[in-house]
Amino acid sequence: MIDVGKEKPSFNFNTYVVEKANFVNKALDDAVSVKNPPMIHEAMRYSLLVGGKRVGPMLCIAACEVVGDNQSAALPTACVVEMIHTMSLIHDNLDFSKHSDVQFVI
């Protein structure tokens, strides 16, 4: 029998997404600090920390929480997902490789 008198715990999706994005942003900030040579690390930080929805890391953390673990267990993987996503965006925007007459084979 269903008890209609009990209220379900509320879940606010927007709040959840913002909380996870902030959690991942803090971890990314800690993971990519400015070191020598500073110009390279500053460029890396700019590309990675410029903002975004952090959907990939949020889904990674959510999957971890669904199976009963906490977000800290998924944090390293969530950060890697965002780092790879950022790298792919940068790589896609490298015009020299799209319009070159010379193809590089590795």
N, C-alpha and C. Protein backbone atom coordinates (compact mmCIF):
# COMPACT_ATOMS: atom_id res chain seq x y z
N MET A 1 0.84 -1.17 0.00
CA MET A 1 0.00 0.00 0.00
C MET A 1 0.89 1.24 0.00
N ILE A 2 0.49 2.22 -0.74
CA ILE A 2 1.25 3.45 -0.86
C ILE A 2 0.76 4.46 0.17
N ASP A 3 1.68 4.99 0.93
CA ASP A 3 1.34 5.99 1.93
C ASP A 3 1.48 7.37 1.28
N VAL A 4 0.36 7.99 0.98
CA VAL A 4 0.38 9.28 0.30
C VAL A 4 0.66 10.42 1.27
N GLY A 5 0.67 10.15 2.53
CA GLY A 5 0.91 11.20 3.52
C GLY A 5 2.37 11.58 3.65
N LYS A 6 3.28 10.70 3.22
CA LYS A 6 4.71 11.01 3.33
C LYS A 6 5.16 11.85 2.14
N GLU A 7 5.96 12.84 2.46
CA GLU A 7 6.54 13.64 1.39
C GLU A 7 7.89 13.07 0.99
N LYS A 8 8.13 13.09 -0.31
CA LYS A 8 9.42 12.65 -0.80
C LYS A 8 10.45 13.74 -0.51
N PRO A 9 11.67 13.33 -0.23
CA PRO A 9 12.70 14.35 -0.06
C PRO A 9 12.86 15.13 -1.37
N SER A 10 12.97 16.42 -1.26
CA SER A 10 13.06 17.22 -2.48
C SER A 10 14.47 17.17 -3.06
N PHE A 11 14.52 17.23 -4.36
CA PHE A 11 15.79 17.25 -5.07
C PHE A 11 15.76 18.42 -6.04
N ASN A 12 16.68 19.34 -5.85
CA ASN A 12 16.76 20.49 -6.73
C ASN A 12 17.92 20.28 -7.69
N PHE A 13 17.59 19.99 -8.94
CA PHE A 13 18.62 19.68 -9.93
C PHE A 13 19.58 20.85 -10.14
N ASN A 14 19.06 22.06 -10.22
CA ASN A 14 19.92 23.23 -10.44
C ASN A 14 20.92 23.41 -9.30
N THR A 15 20.47 23.22 -8.09
CA THR A 15 21.36 23.33 -6.93
C THR A 15 22.42 22.24 -6.99
N TYR A 16 22.01 21.03 -7.33
CA TYR A 16 22.94 19.91 -7.43
C TYR A 16 24.04 20.20 -8.45
N VAL A 17 23.66 20.70 -9.62
CA VAL A 17 24.62 20.98 -10.69
C VAL A 17 25.60 22.06 -10.25
N VAL A 18 25.11 23.11 -9.62
CA VAL A 18 25.98 24.20 -9.16
C VAL A 18 26.94 23.70 -8.09
N GLU A 19 26.44 22.91 -7.15
CA GLU A 19 27.31 22.37 -6.08
C GLU A 19 28.42 21.50 -6.66
N LYS A 20 28.07 20.63 -7.59
CA LYS A 20 29.08 19.74 -8.18
C LYS A 20 30.08 20.53 -9.02
N ALA A 21 29.61 21.53 -9.76
CA ALA A 21 30.51 22.36 -10.57
C ALA A 21 31.49 23.10 -9.66
N ASN A 22 31.00 23.65 -8.56
CA ASN A 22 31.89 24.35 -7.62
C ASN A 22 32.91 23.40 -7.01
N PHE A 23 32.48 22.19 -6.68
CA PHE A 23 33.36 21.18 -6.10
C PHE A 23 34.48 20.82 -7.09
N VAL A 24 34.10 20.62 -8.35
CA VAL A 24 35.07 20.27 -9.39
C VAL A 24 35.98 21.46 -9.69
N ASN A 25 35.43 22.66 -9.75
CA ASN A 25 36.26 23.84 -10.01
C ASN A 25 37.34 24.01 -8.95
N LYS A 26 37.00 23.80 -7.70
CA LYS A 26 37.98 23.91 -6.61
C LYS A 26 39.07 22.85 -6.79
N ALA A 27 38.67 21.63 -7.12
CA ALA A 27 39.65 20.55 -7.30
C ALA A 27 40.55 20.83 -8.50
N LEU A 28 39.99 21.35 -9.59
CA LEU A 28 40.81 21.68 -10.77
C LEU A 28 41.78 22.81 -10.45
N ASP A 29 41.31 23.78 -9.70
CA ASP A 29 42.18 24.89 -9.29
C ASP A 29 43.36 24.38 -8.47
N ASP A 30 43.09 23.45 -7.57
CA ASP A 30 44.15 22.85 -6.75
C ASP A 30 45.08 21.97 -7.57
N ALA A 31 44.54 21.29 -8.58
CA ALA A 31 45.32 20.34 -9.36
C ALA A 31 46.30 21.01 -10.32
N VAL A 32 45.93 22.17 -10.84
CA VAL A 32 46.75 22.85 -11.83
C VAL A 32 47.19 24.19 -11.27
N SER A 33 48.22 24.15 -10.45
CA SER A 33 48.74 25.38 -9.87
C SER A 33 49.81 25.97 -10.79
N VAL A 34 50.14 27.23 -10.55
CA VAL A 34 51.15 27.89 -11.37
C VAL A 34 52.53 27.43 -10.89
N LYS A 35 53.27 26.84 -11.81
CA LYS A 35 54.63 26.36 -11.54
C LYS A 35 55.52 26.86 -12.65
N ASN A 36 56.76 26.44 -12.65
CA ASN A 36 57.68 26.83 -13.72
C ASN A 36 57.51 25.91 -14.91
N PRO A 37 57.48 26.38 -16.10
CA PRO A 37 57.44 27.79 -16.50
C PRO A 37 56.04 28.36 -16.32
N PRO A 38 55.94 29.53 -15.69
CA PRO A 38 54.62 30.08 -15.35
C PRO A 38 53.74 30.36 -16.56
N MET A 39 54.31 30.75 -17.70
CA MET A 39 53.48 31.08 -18.86
C MET A 39 52.66 29.87 -19.32
N ILE A 40 53.26 28.71 -19.33
CA ILE A 40 52.56 27.50 -19.75
C ILE A 40 51.46 27.14 -18.74
N HIS A 41 51.78 27.19 -17.47
CA HIS A 41 50.81 26.83 -16.45
C HIS A 41 49.67 27.84 -16.38
N GLU A 42 49.96 29.11 -16.62
CA GLU A 42 48.89 30.11 -16.64
C GLU A 42 47.96 29.86 -17.82
N ALA A 43 48.52 29.49 -18.97
CA ALA A 43 47.69 29.18 -20.14
C ALA A 43 46.83 27.94 -19.87
N MET A 44 47.42 26.94 -19.23
CA MET A 44 46.66 25.74 -18.89
C MET A 44 45.51 26.09 -17.94
N ARG A 45 45.81 26.89 -16.94
CA ARG A 45 44.78 27.28 -15.97
C ARG A 45 43.67 28.09 -16.63
N TYR A 46 44.06 29.00 -17.53
CA TYR A 46 43.06 29.80 -18.21
C TYR A 46 42.10 28.91 -19.00
N SER A 47 42.65 27.99 -19.76
CA SER A 47 41.82 27.11 -20.58
C SER A 47 40.92 26.22 -19.73
N LEU A 48 41.46 25.73 -18.65
CA LEU A 48 40.72 24.77 -17.82
C LEU A 48 39.72 25.44 -16.88
N LEU A 49 40.07 26.61 -16.39
CA LEU A 49 39.26 27.23 -15.34
C LEU A 49 38.39 28.37 -15.84
N VAL A 50 38.32 28.57 -17.15
CA VAL A 50 37.57 29.69 -17.71
C VAL A 50 36.07 29.58 -17.41
N GLY A 51 35.62 28.43 -17.07
CA GLY A 51 34.21 28.25 -16.73
C GLY A 51 33.60 27.14 -17.56
N GLY A 52 32.37 26.88 -17.32
CA GLY A 52 31.68 25.84 -18.05
C GLY A 52 30.69 25.14 -17.14
N LYS A 53 29.91 24.30 -17.74
CA LYS A 53 28.86 23.62 -17.00
C LYS A 53 29.38 22.42 -16.21
N ARG A 54 30.50 21.87 -16.63
CA ARG A 54 31.08 20.70 -15.95
C ARG A 54 30.13 19.51 -15.96
N VAL A 55 29.48 19.29 -17.10
CA VAL A 55 28.50 18.20 -17.21
C VAL A 55 29.18 16.84 -17.07
N GLY A 56 30.30 16.64 -17.75
CA GLY A 56 31.00 15.36 -17.65
C GLY A 56 31.39 15.00 -16.23
N PRO A 57 32.08 15.91 -15.53
CA PRO A 57 32.44 15.62 -14.14
C PRO A 57 31.21 15.42 -13.25
N MET A 58 30.16 16.20 -13.49
CA MET A 58 28.95 16.06 -12.69
C MET A 58 28.33 14.68 -12.88
N LEU A 59 28.31 14.19 -14.12
CA LEU A 59 27.77 12.85 -14.38
C LEU A 59 28.65 11.77 -13.74
N CYS A 60 29.94 11.98 -13.76
CA CYS A 60 30.87 11.04 -13.13
C CYS A 60 30.61 10.96 -11.62
N ILE A 61 30.45 12.12 -10.99
CA ILE A 61 30.18 12.15 -9.56
C ILE A 61 28.81 11.56 -9.26
N ALA A 62 27.81 11.89 -10.08
CA ALA A 62 26.46 11.36 -9.87
C ALA A 62 26.45 9.83 -9.96
N ALA A 63 27.19 9.29 -10.93
CA ALA A 63 27.26 7.83 -11.07
C ALA A 63 27.87 7.20 -9.82
N CYS A 64 28.87 7.83 -9.28
CA CYS A 64 29.51 7.34 -8.07
C CYS A 64 28.53 7.37 -6.89
N GLU A 65 27.78 8.46 -6.79
CA GLU A 65 26.82 8.59 -5.70
C GLU A 65 25.67 7.58 -5.83
N VAL A 66 25.27 7.27 -7.05
CA VAL A 66 24.18 6.32 -7.26
C VAL A 66 24.52 4.94 -6.71
N VAL A 67 25.80 4.56 -6.82
CA VAL A 67 26.20 3.24 -6.33
C VAL A 67 26.62 3.27 -4.86
N GLY A 68 26.40 4.42 -4.20
CA GLY A 68 26.58 4.46 -2.76
C GLY A 68 27.87 5.06 -2.25
N ASP A 69 28.71 5.56 -3.11
CA ASP A 69 29.95 6.17 -2.63
C ASP A 69 29.77 7.68 -2.58
N ASN A 70 30.77 8.38 -2.04
CA ASN A 70 30.65 9.83 -1.96
C ASN A 70 31.44 10.50 -3.09
N GLN A 71 31.22 11.78 -3.26
CA GLN A 71 31.80 12.50 -4.39
C GLN A 71 33.33 12.54 -4.35
N SER A 72 33.91 12.45 -3.20
CA SER A 72 35.38 12.50 -3.11
C SER A 72 36.02 11.30 -3.81
N ALA A 73 35.35 10.18 -3.82
CA ALA A 73 35.88 8.98 -4.48
C ALA A 73 35.96 9.17 -5.98
N ALA A 74 35.04 9.95 -6.54
CA ALA A 74 34.99 10.16 -7.99
C ALA A 74 35.76 11.39 -8.44
N LEU A 75 36.23 12.19 -7.51
CA LEU A 75 36.83 13.48 -7.87
C LEU A 75 38.02 13.38 -8.82
N PRO A 76 38.99 12.49 -8.59
CA PRO A 76 40.10 12.42 -9.55
C PRO A 76 39.64 12.09 -10.97
N THR A 77 38.73 11.15 -11.10
CA THR A 77 38.21 10.78 -12.42
C THR A 77 37.41 11.92 -13.02
N ALA A 78 36.61 12.60 -12.21
CA ALA A 78 35.82 13.73 -12.68
C ALA A 78 36.73 14.84 -13.22
N CYS A 79 37.83 15.09 -12.55
CA CYS A 79 38.78 16.11 -13.00
C CYS A 79 39.43 15.70 -14.32
N VAL A 80 39.79 14.44 -14.44
CA VAL A 80 40.39 13.96 -15.69
C VAL A 80 39.41 14.08 -16.85
N VAL A 81 38.14 13.79 -16.60
CA VAL A 81 37.12 13.94 -17.65
C VAL A 81 37.10 15.38 -18.14
N GLU A 82 37.14 16.34 -17.22
CA GLU A 82 37.12 17.75 -17.62
C GLU A 82 38.42 18.16 -18.31
N MET A 83 39.55 17.64 -17.86
CA MET A 83 40.82 17.97 -18.50
C MET A 83 40.87 17.45 -19.94
N ILE A 84 40.39 16.24 -20.15
CA ILE A 84 40.36 15.67 -21.50
C ILE A 84 39.39 16.45 -22.38
N HIS A 85 38.26 16.83 -21.83
CA HIS A 85 37.29 17.62 -22.59
C HIS A 85 37.90 18.96 -23.01
N THR A 86 38.58 19.62 -22.10
CA THR A 86 39.22 20.91 -22.41
C THR A 86 40.29 20.72 -23.47
N MET A 87 41.10 19.67 -23.35
CA MET A 87 42.14 19.40 -24.35
C MET A 87 41.51 19.18 -25.72
N SER A 88 40.40 18.48 -25.77
CA SER A 88 39.76 18.21 -27.07
C SER A 88 39.23 19.49 -27.69
N LEU A 89 38.73 20.41 -26.88
CA LEU A 89 38.27 21.69 -27.42
C LEU A 89 39.43 22.50 -27.99
N ILE A 90 40.56 22.50 -27.29
CA ILE A 90 41.74 23.22 -27.78
C ILE A 90 42.24 22.58 -29.06
N HIS A 91 42.33 21.27 -29.06
CA HIS A 91 42.85 20.54 -30.22
C HIS A 91 41.98 20.78 -31.45
N ASP A 92 40.67 20.81 -31.27
CA ASP A 92 39.75 21.06 -32.39
C ASP A 92 39.92 22.45 -32.99
N ASN A 93 40.43 23.38 -32.21
CA ASN A 93 40.58 24.76 -32.68
C ASN A 93 41.96 25.06 -33.26
N LEU A 94 42.81 24.08 -33.36
CA LEU A 94 44.14 24.29 -33.95
C LEU A 94 44.02 24.27 -35.47
N ASP A 95 43.90 25.43 -36.06
CA ASP A 95 43.68 25.53 -37.50
C ASP A 95 44.83 25.03 -38.35
N PHE A 96 46.05 25.14 -37.84
CA PHE A 96 47.18 24.75 -38.67
C PHE A 96 47.10 23.30 -39.10
N SER A 97 46.51 22.46 -38.31
CA SER A 97 46.43 21.05 -38.67
C SER A 97 45.29 20.76 -39.66
N LYS A 98 44.30 21.65 -39.72
CA LYS A 98 43.16 21.43 -40.60
C LYS A 98 43.45 21.86 -42.04
N HIS A 99 44.28 22.91 -42.19
CA HIS A 99 44.46 23.51 -43.50
C HIS A 99 45.88 23.35 -44.04
N SER A 100 46.61 22.46 -43.46
CA SER A 100 48.00 22.29 -43.88
C SER A 100 48.09 21.39 -45.11
N ASP A 101 49.01 21.75 -45.99
CA ASP A 101 49.29 20.90 -47.14
C ASP A 101 50.14 19.70 -46.74
N VAL A 102 50.82 19.84 -45.62
CA VAL A 102 51.70 18.77 -45.13
C VAL A 102 50.97 18.04 -44.03
N GLN A 103 50.87 16.74 -44.16
CA GLN A 103 50.25 15.91 -43.13
C GLN A 103 51.35 15.27 -42.30
N PHE A 104 51.22 15.37 -41.00
CA PHE A 104 52.20 14.79 -40.12
C PHE A 104 51.72 13.39 -39.71
N VAL A 105 52.60 12.45 -39.83
CA VAL A 105 52.28 11.08 -39.44
C VAL A 105 53.17 10.71 -38.27
N ILE A 106 52.53 10.25 -37.22
CA ILE A 106 53.30 9.86 -36.04
C ILE A 106 53.23 8.36 -35.91
